[in-house]
Amino acid sequence: MADRDLGDTLDNIEAIPDKRMRLFGMRFSIAQLGLAMGVLSSVLGSLYAGFLMYQKVEAVANLDLGEYQQAMDIMDAKVSGMAEKVEEAVEYSRDIKNGLRDDILGIEKQVDRVEDTVRGMEDDVRVMIDDAEARFENKREQLRTSQSADMKALEERLNSKLQRALDNPLAD
């Protein structure tokens, strides 16, 4: 290979015959046919993309905007209806809260009255217990005094009978 010269190789390349094809009555080289196919496929691809874009534009142009507006109006009505329901629920909750507050205040008043009544009754019961204790103490004292007096009377009778029996043993 070292014997060959680069110039010889180039001369051999130029010797390659020019290949051309005949198509539709015209002569074309392979490179020209490749270029024509590339241009043709680009044109067809662009036409197809334009066709698809045209379909999309037609679909958007044919949209029924009235129907969409009607759907939006329905959604707005639902939202406003929900807002009204929420407002009603808040008002109902306020009413319940106010009713519960009033009930709690009423119960507190009743509890205060019951506490006052219980305190009054407690005081009355203490007074009654103190009076009863005083009466019981008086009764005990009366009973002790009465018992002492009865015992003295009994003792005196027994002593007198005993003395009579001793003074006159045959009398009975």
Protein backbone atom coordinates (compact mmCIF):
# COMPACT_ATOMS: atom_id res chain seq x y z
CA MET A 1 0.00 0.00 0.00
CA ALA A 2 2.87 2.27 0.49
CA ASP A 3 3.53 1.96 -3.19
CA ARG A 4 0.27 3.64 -4.11
CA ASP A 5 -0.05 7.31 -4.41
CA LEU A 6 -3.01 9.40 -3.19
CA GLY A 7 -3.32 10.97 -6.58
CA ASP A 8 -3.79 7.56 -8.16
CA THR A 9 -6.63 6.83 -5.78
CA LEU A 10 -8.41 10.05 -6.68
CA ASP A 11 -8.09 9.29 -10.32
CA ASN A 12 -9.79 5.97 -9.72
CA ILE A 13 -12.70 7.66 -7.90
CA GLU A 14 -13.36 9.90 -10.86
CA ALA A 15 -13.55 6.82 -12.95
CA ILE A 16 -16.73 5.70 -11.14
CA PRO A 17 -19.47 5.85 -13.70
CA ASP A 18 -22.21 8.42 -13.15
CA LYS A 19 -25.30 6.46 -12.17
CA ARG A 20 -28.52 8.08 -13.27
CA MET A 21 -32.06 6.83 -13.37
CA ARG A 22 -34.77 7.59 -15.73
CA LEU A 23 -38.16 8.51 -14.19
CA PHE A 24 -41.14 10.08 -15.95
CA GLY A 25 -39.01 10.71 -18.97
CA MET A 26 -36.36 12.59 -17.05
CA ARG A 27 -32.93 11.58 -15.83
CA PHE A 28 -32.16 11.90 -12.16
CA SER A 29 -29.15 11.08 -10.05
CA ILE A 30 -29.60 9.21 -6.76
CA ALA A 31 -28.77 12.37 -4.80
CA GLN A 32 -31.39 14.35 -6.71
CA LEU A 33 -34.01 11.67 -5.99
CA GLY A 34 -33.11 11.70 -2.26
CA LEU A 35 -33.38 15.47 -2.15
CA ALA A 36 -36.73 15.39 -3.98
CA MET A 37 -38.06 12.76 -1.53
CA GLY A 38 -36.96 14.92 1.43
CA VAL A 39 -38.69 18.01 0.05
CA LEU A 40 -41.80 16.02 -0.85
CA SER A 41 -42.05 14.47 2.66
CA SER A 42 -41.58 17.90 4.30
CA VAL A 43 -44.35 19.40 2.15
CA LEU A 44 -46.69 16.48 2.90
CA GLY A 45 -45.91 16.66 6.66
CA SER A 46 -46.59 20.40 6.68
CA LEU A 47 -49.88 19.87 4.83
CA TYR A 48 -50.92 17.17 7.33
CA ALA A 49 -50.03 19.41 10.32
CA GLY A 50 -51.99 22.26 8.75
CA PHE A 51 -54.97 19.94 8.27
CA LEU A 52 -54.88 18.89 11.93
CA MET A 53 -54.60 22.51 13.06
CA TYR A 54 -57.56 23.40 10.82
CA GLN A 55 -59.61 20.65 12.50
CA LYS A 56 -58.72 21.99 15.96
CA VAL A 57 -59.61 25.55 14.98
CA GLU A 58 -62.92 24.34 13.54
CA ALA A 59 -63.67 22.46 16.76
CA VAL A 60 -63.00 25.58 18.83
CA ALA A 61 -65.01 27.75 16.43
CA ASN A 62 -67.97 25.38 16.61
CA LEU A 63 -68.13 25.45 20.42
CA ASP A 64 -71.50 26.43 21.80
CA LEU A 65 -70.59 29.33 24.07
CA GLY A 66 -74.20 29.69 25.20
CA GLU A 67 -74.11 26.16 26.59
CA TYR A 68 -70.90 26.92 28.47
CA GLN A 69 -72.42 30.15 29.79
CA GLN A 70 -75.49 28.22 30.90
CA ALA A 71 -73.28 25.68 32.69
CA MET A 72 -71.40 28.52 34.38
CA ASP A 73 -74.71 30.12 35.43
CA ILE A 74 -75.84 26.80 36.91
CA MET A 75 -72.55 26.50 38.80
CA ASP A 76 -72.90 30.09 40.04
CA ALA A 77 -76.44 29.33 41.20
CA LYS A 78 -75.23 26.24 43.03
CA VAL A 79 -72.43 28.20 44.68
CA SER A 80 -74.80 30.99 45.70
CA GLY A 81 -77.31 28.37 46.92
CA MET A 82 -74.56 26.78 48.97
CA ALA A 83 -73.59 30.19 50.32
CA GLU A 84 -77.20 30.76 51.37
CA LYS A 85 -77.27 27.35 53.06
CA VAL A 86 -74.04 28.12 54.86
CA GLU A 87 -75.48 31.46 55.94
CA GLU A 88 -78.63 29.70 57.19
CA ALA A 89 -76.51 27.16 59.05
CA VAL A 90 -74.51 29.96 60.69
CA GLU A 91 -77.74 31.74 61.69
CA TYR A 92 -79.17 28.48 63.04
CA SER A 93 -75.96 27.91 65.01
CA ARG A 94 -76.23 31.42 66.46
CA ASP A 95 -79.82 30.75 67.48
CA ILE A 96 -78.79 27.50 69.15
CA LYS A 97 -75.91 29.25 70.92
CA ASN A 98 -78.18 32.04 72.15
CA GLY A 99 -80.80 29.51 73.28
CA LEU A 100 -78.17 27.51 75.16
CA ARG A 101 -76.82 30.66 76.78
CA ASP A 102 -80.33 31.61 77.92
CA ASP A 103 -80.92 28.08 79.23
CA ILE A 104 -77.62 28.12 81.11
CA LEU A 105 -78.42 31.51 82.65
CA GLY A 106 -81.86 30.22 83.69
CA ILE A 107 -80.31 27.12 85.24
CA GLU A 108 -77.76 29.28 87.09
CA LYS A 109 -80.59 31.41 88.51
CA GLN A 110 -82.44 28.28 89.61
CA VAL A 111 -79.29 26.88 91.19
CA ASP A 112 -78.77 30.16 93.06
CA ARG A 113 -82.38 30.05 94.33
CA VAL A 114 -81.98 26.42 95.38
CA GLU A 115 -78.72 27.24 97.17
CA ASP A 116 -80.41 30.12 99.01
CA THR A 117 -83.32 27.85 99.93
CA VAL A 118 -80.96 25.13 101.13
CA ARG A 119 -79.00 27.65 103.23
CA GLY A 120 -82.24 28.93 104.76
CA MET A 121 -83.40 25.39 105.49
CA GLU A 122 -79.99 24.55 106.91
CA ASP A 123 -80.21 27.52 109.26
CA ASP A 124 -83.76 26.54 110.25
CA VAL A 125 -82.68 22.95 110.90
CA ARG A 126 -79.75 24.15 113.04
CA VAL A 127 -82.10 26.33 115.07
CA MET A 128 -84.50 23.39 115.44
CA ILE A 129 -81.65 21.10 116.50
CA ASP A 130 -80.43 23.67 119.03
CA ASP A 131 -84.00 24.07 120.38
CA ALA A 132 -84.45 20.30 120.55
CA GLU A 133 -81.14 19.92 122.41
CA ALA A 134 -82.21 22.60 124.88
CA ARG A 135 -85.59 20.90 125.37
CA PHE A 136 -83.95 17.49 125.77
CA GLU A 137 -81.56 18.97 128.32
CA ASN A 138 -84.48 20.52 130.19
CA LYS A 139 -86.35 17.23 130.08
CA ARG A 140 -83.29 15.38 131.41
CA GLU A 141 -82.95 17.85 134.21
CA GLN A 142 -86.65 17.56 134.99
CA LEU A 143 -86.40 13.78 134.91
CA ARG A 144 -83.35 13.83 137.18
CA THR A 145 -85.06 16.21 139.55
CA SER A 146 -88.25 14.20 139.37
CA GLN A 147 -86.35 10.97 139.89
CA SER A 148 -84.46 12.46 142.79
CA ALA A 149 -87.68 13.66 144.34
CA ASP A 150 -89.37 10.30 143.71
CA MET A 151 -86.37 8.49 145.12
CA LYS A 152 -86.41 10.71 148.21
CA ALA A 153 -90.13 10.15 148.62
CA LEU A 154 -89.68 6.43 148.15
CA GLU A 155 -86.78 6.41 150.55
CA GLU A 156 -88.81 8.29 153.12
CA ARG A 157 -91.74 5.89 152.77
CA LEU A 158 -89.45 2.91 153.01
CA ASN A 159 -87.73 4.42 156.01
CA SER A 160 -91.03 5.19 157.63
CA LYS A 161 -92.34 1.65 156.97
CA LEU A 162 -89.07 0.24 158.16
CA GLN A 163 -89.24 2.41 161.27
CA ARG A 164 -92.85 1.33 161.97
CA ALA A 165 -91.89 -2.26 161.42
CA LEU A 166 -88.99 -1.89 163.78
CA ASP A 167 -91.11 -0.01 166.36
CA ASN A 168 -93.93 -2.48 166.23
CA PRO A 169 -92.79 -5.80 164.80
CA LEU A 170 -96.10 -7.51 165.51
CA ALA A 171 -98.30 -4.97 163.80
CA ASP A 172 -98.19 -6.36 160.40
